[in-house]
Amino acid sequence: MKLPILLFDAECPLCVRFTQALRLVDKKEHISFISIYDDDIYTAFPDLSKEECAETIHFITEDKTIIKGGDVIEHLVKEIPSVEKFAWLLESDRSKQAVDAFYKKINEVRKIIKRKGCTGCGGTTRRKDL
């Protein structure tokens, strides 16, 4: 598997949209995007837990370091050249706290959508049922 790798929930509309946006700015296709439902990732990286990956975003760096949660967002800002120009926004502790809070809120919404279905369209169909 080509590193670095961003693990994402392929059954979550928010996660899918997030990865689509990242693919647009990752012009050199530097990052591999792998679904948390691909069992090969857990064979290749036995330190990963399928349950934990379902709870929070994971990123595996080129040196095989595993980054989780809001730290992934901070890392991606520095990793992708077209987004790197915004890295200065993360230089202060307050900015890092804001990114972490933003990530936590988005992750809460993601869990609601997975549990109840799409709240934006008023539907109750879960992504798996589509």
C-alpha atoms as a PDB file:
ATOM      1  CA  MET A   1       0.000   0.000   0.000  1.00  0.00           C
ATOM      2  CA  LYS A   2       1.335   3.365  -1.049  1.00  0.00           C
ATOM      3  CA  LEU A   3       1.995   5.717   1.851  1.00  0.00           C
ATOM      4  CA  PRO A   4       0.799   8.118   3.119  1.00  0.00           C
ATOM      5  CA  ILE A   5      -2.718   6.764   3.645  1.00  0.00           C
ATOM      6  CA  LEU A   6      -5.870   8.497   4.791  1.00  0.00           C
ATOM      7  CA  LEU A   7      -8.402   6.054   6.217  1.00  0.00           C
ATOM      8  CA  PHE A   8     -11.984   7.164   5.742  1.00  0.00           C
ATOM      9  CA  ASP A   9     -15.489   5.841   6.284  1.00  0.00           C
ATOM     10  CA  ALA A  10     -16.720   5.064   2.767  1.00  0.00           C
ATOM     11  CA  GLU A  11     -20.277   4.685   4.087  1.00  0.00           C
ATOM     12  CA  CYS A  12     -20.382   8.193   5.555  1.00  0.00           C
ATOM     13  CA  PRO A  13     -21.458  10.989   3.175  1.00  0.00           C
ATOM     14  CA  LEU A  14     -19.401  13.569   5.105  1.00  0.00           C
ATOM     15  CA  CYS A  15     -16.274  11.433   4.928  1.00  0.00           C
ATOM     16  CA  VAL A  16     -16.767  10.741   1.235  1.00  0.00           C
ATOM     17  CA  ARG A  17     -17.204  14.470   0.499  1.00  0.00           C
ATOM     18  CA  PHE A  18     -14.123  15.282   2.597  1.00  0.00           C
ATOM     19  CA  THR A  19     -11.994  12.799   0.654  1.00  0.00           C
ATOM     20  CA  GLN A  20     -13.379  14.086  -2.665  1.00  0.00           C
ATOM     21  CA  ALA A  21     -12.328  17.609  -1.682  1.00  0.00           C
ATOM     22  CA  LEU A  22      -8.880  16.405  -0.644  1.00  0.00           C
ATOM     23  CA  ARG A  23      -8.440  14.588  -3.934  1.00  0.00           C
ATOM     24  CA  LEU A  24      -9.133  17.848  -5.753  1.00  0.00           C
ATOM     25  CA  VAL A  25      -6.382  19.703  -3.891  1.00  0.00           C
ATOM     26  CA  ASP A  26      -3.937  16.791  -3.835  1.00  0.00           C
ATOM     27  CA  LYS A  27      -2.928  17.430  -7.445  1.00  0.00           C
ATOM     28  CA  LYS A  28       0.085  15.101  -7.308  1.00  0.00           C
ATOM     29  CA  GLU A  29      -2.007  12.261  -5.840  1.00  0.00           C
ATOM     30  CA  HIS A  30       0.395  12.102  -2.933  1.00  0.00           C
ATOM     31  CA  ILE A  31      -2.157  10.596  -0.530  1.00  0.00           C
ATOM     32  CA  SER A  32      -3.785   7.171  -0.845  1.00  0.00           C
ATOM     33  CA  PHE A  33      -7.400   7.018   0.303  1.00  0.00           C
ATOM     34  CA  ILE A  34      -8.466   3.692   1.789  1.00  0.00           C
ATOM     35  CA  SER A  35     -11.834   2.784   3.243  1.00  0.00           C
ATOM     36  CA  ILE A  36     -11.936   1.626   6.850  1.00  0.00           C
ATOM     37  CA  TYR A  37     -13.946  -1.330   5.498  1.00  0.00           C
ATOM     38  CA  ASP A  38     -10.966  -2.624   3.490  1.00  0.00           C
ATOM     39  CA  ASP A  39      -9.720  -5.488   5.676  1.00  0.00           C
ATOM     40  CA  ASP A  40      -6.331  -5.488   3.905  1.00  0.00           C
ATOM     41  CA  ILE A  41      -5.398  -2.291   5.763  1.00  0.00           C
ATOM     42  CA  TYR A  42      -5.627  -4.107   9.117  1.00  0.00           C
ATOM     43  CA  THR A  43      -3.439  -6.921   7.805  1.00  0.00           C
ATOM     44  CA  ALA A  44      -0.846  -4.457   6.514  1.00  0.00           C
ATOM     45  CA  PHE A  45      -0.983  -2.356   9.707  1.00  0.00           C
ATOM     46  CA  PRO A  46      -1.809  -4.638  12.651  1.00  0.00           C
ATOM     47  CA  ASP A  47      -1.598  -1.704  15.100  1.00  0.00           C
ATOM     48  CA  LEU A  48      -4.823  -0.351  13.613  1.00  0.00           C
ATOM     49  CA  SER A  49      -8.137  -1.213  15.216  1.00  0.00           C
ATOM     50  CA  LYS A  50     -11.187  -1.398  12.969  1.00  0.00           C
ATOM     51  CA  GLU A  51     -13.371  -0.152  15.830  1.00  0.00           C
ATOM     52  CA  GLU A  52     -11.091   2.811  16.538  1.00  0.00           C
ATOM     53  CA  CYS A  53     -10.883   3.681  12.840  1.00  0.00           C
ATOM     54  CA  ALA A  54     -14.688   3.724  12.747  1.00  0.00           C
ATOM     55  CA  GLU A  55     -14.678   6.212  15.642  1.00  0.00           C
ATOM     56  CA  THR A  56     -12.095   8.714  14.409  1.00  0.00           C
ATOM     57  CA  ILE A  57     -10.104   9.604  11.289  1.00  0.00           C
ATOM     58  CA  HIS A  58      -6.660   8.010  10.898  1.00  0.00           C
ATOM     59  CA  PHE A  59      -3.695   8.982   8.736  1.00  0.00           C
ATOM     60  CA  ILE A  60      -0.607   6.835   8.196  1.00  0.00           C
ATOM     61  CA  THR A  61       2.484   8.858   7.311  1.00  0.00           C
ATOM     62  CA  GLU A  62       5.283   7.816   4.974  1.00  0.00           C
ATOM     63  CA  ASP A  63       7.299   6.654   7.989  1.00  0.00           C
ATOM     64  CA  LYS A  64       4.273   4.572   9.142  1.00  0.00           C
ATOM     65  CA  THR A  65       3.375   6.852  12.052  1.00  0.00           C
ATOM     66  CA  ILE A  66      -0.348   6.702  12.788  1.00  0.00           C
ATOM     67  CA  ILE A  67      -2.017  10.071  13.405  1.00  0.00           C
ATOM     68  CA  LYS A  68      -5.582  10.317  14.722  1.00  0.00           C
ATOM     69  CA  GLY A  69      -8.432  12.790  15.135  1.00  0.00           C
ATOM     70  CA  GLY A  70      -7.860  16.538  14.902  1.00  0.00           C
ATOM     71  CA  ASP A  71      -4.122  15.969  14.496  1.00  0.00           C
ATOM     72  CA  VAL A  72      -4.916  14.535  11.042  1.00  0.00           C
ATOM     73  CA  ILE A  73      -6.424  17.841   9.933  1.00  0.00           C
ATOM     74  CA  GLU A  74      -3.376  19.724  11.174  1.00  0.00           C
ATOM     75  CA  HIS A  75      -1.083  17.267   9.404  1.00  0.00           C
ATOM     76  CA  LEU A  76      -3.015  17.484   6.131  1.00  0.00           C
ATOM     77  CA  VAL A  77      -2.758  21.269   6.104  1.00  0.00           C
ATOM     78  CA  LYS A  78       1.009  20.868   6.210  1.00  0.00           C
ATOM     79  CA  GLU A  79       1.110  17.838   3.885  1.00  0.00           C
ATOM     80  CA  ILE A  80      -0.788  19.075   0.838  1.00  0.00           C
ATOM     81  CA  PRO A  81       1.081  21.824  -1.023  1.00  0.00           C
ATOM     82  CA  SER A  82      -2.024  23.733  -2.148  1.00  0.00           C
ATOM     83  CA  VAL A  83      -3.339  23.800   1.426  1.00  0.00           C
ATOM     84  CA  GLU A  84       0.067  24.459   2.989  1.00  0.00           C
ATOM     85  CA  LYS A  85      -0.360  28.213   2.552  1.00  0.00           C
ATOM     86  CA  PHE A  86      -2.912  28.021   5.386  1.00  0.00           C
ATOM     87  CA  ALA A  87      -0.471  26.298   7.777  1.00  0.00           C
ATOM     88  CA  TRP A  88       0.229  29.631   9.483  1.00  0.00           C
ATOM     89  CA  LEU A  89      -3.311  29.422  10.869  1.00  0.00           C
ATOM     90  CA  LEU A  90      -2.197  26.514  13.049  1.00  0.00           C
ATOM     91  CA  GLU A  91       0.866  28.125  14.566  1.00  0.00           C
ATOM     92  CA  SER A  92      -0.765  29.199  17.827  1.00  0.00           C
ATOM     93  CA  ASP A  93      -2.145  26.940  20.547  1.00  0.00           C
ATOM     94  CA  ARG A  94      -5.551  28.606  20.216  1.00  0.00           C
ATOM     95  CA  SER A  95      -5.667  27.767  16.525  1.00  0.00           C
ATOM     96  CA  LYS A  96      -4.801  24.139  17.238  1.00  0.00           C
ATOM     97  CA  GLN A  97      -7.562  24.033  19.854  1.00  0.00           C
ATOM     98  CA  ALA A  98     -10.013  25.494  17.332  1.00  0.00           C
ATOM     99  CA  VAL A  99      -9.098  22.857  14.727  1.00  0.00           C
ATOM    100  CA  ASP A 100      -9.487  20.112  17.323  1.00  0.00           C
ATOM    101  CA  ALA A 101     -12.889  21.473  18.427  1.00  0.00           C
ATOM    102  CA  PHE A 102     -13.988  21.730  14.780  1.00  0.00           C
ATOM    103  CA  TYR A 103     -12.936  18.136  14.145  1.00  0.00           C
ATOM    104  CA  LYS A 104     -14.754  16.878  17.256  1.00  0.00           C
ATOM    105  CA  LYS A 105     -17.980  18.620  16.202  1.00  0.00           C
ATOM    106  CA  ILE A 106     -17.789  17.258  12.646  1.00  0.00           C
ATOM    107  CA  ASN A 107     -17.122  13.778  14.026  1.00  0.00           C
ATOM    108  CA  GLU A 108     -20.220  14.047  16.250  1.00  0.00           C
ATOM    109  CA  VAL A 109     -22.325  14.977  13.211  1.00  0.00           C
ATOM    110  CA  ARG A 110     -20.799  12.090  11.263  1.00  0.00           C
ATOM    111  CA  LYS A 111     -21.826   9.632  13.976  1.00  0.00           C
ATOM    112  CA  ILE A 112     -25.388  11.013  14.007  1.00  0.00           C
ATOM    113  CA  ILE A 113     -25.647  10.641  10.235  1.00  0.00           C
ATOM    114  CA  LYS A 114     -24.350   7.069  10.401  1.00  0.00           C
ATOM    115  CA  ARG A 115     -26.804   6.214  13.171  1.00  0.00           C
ATOM    116  CA  LYS A 116     -29.921   8.064  12.000  1.00  0.00           C
ATOM    117  CA  GLY A 117     -29.409   8.699   8.295  1.00  0.00           C
ATOM    118  CA  CYS A 118     -29.059  11.954   6.420  1.00  0.00           C
ATOM    119  CA  THR A 119     -30.324  14.833   8.546  1.00  0.00           C
ATOM    120  CA  GLY A 120     -29.736  17.430   5.829  1.00  0.00           C
ATOM    121  CA  CYS A 121     -32.341  16.056   3.449  1.00  0.00           C
ATOM    122  CA  GLY A 122     -34.756  15.024   6.173  1.00  0.00           C
ATOM    123  CA  GLY A 123     -34.399  11.390   5.198  1.00  0.00           C
ATOM    124  CA  THR A 124     -34.017   8.521   7.581  1.00  0.00           C
ATOM    125  CA  THR A 125     -32.358   6.079   5.200  1.00  0.00           C
ATOM    126  CA  ARG A 126     -28.958   4.985   6.352  1.00  0.00           C
ATOM    127  CA  ARG A 127     -26.135   5.099   3.848  1.00  0.00           C
ATOM    128  CA  LYS A 128     -25.808   1.288   3.889  1.00  0.00           C
ATOM    129  CA  ASP A 129     -29.447   0.968   2.808  1.00  0.00           C
ATOM    130  CA  LEU A 130     -29.084   3.075  -0.349  1.00  0.00           C
END
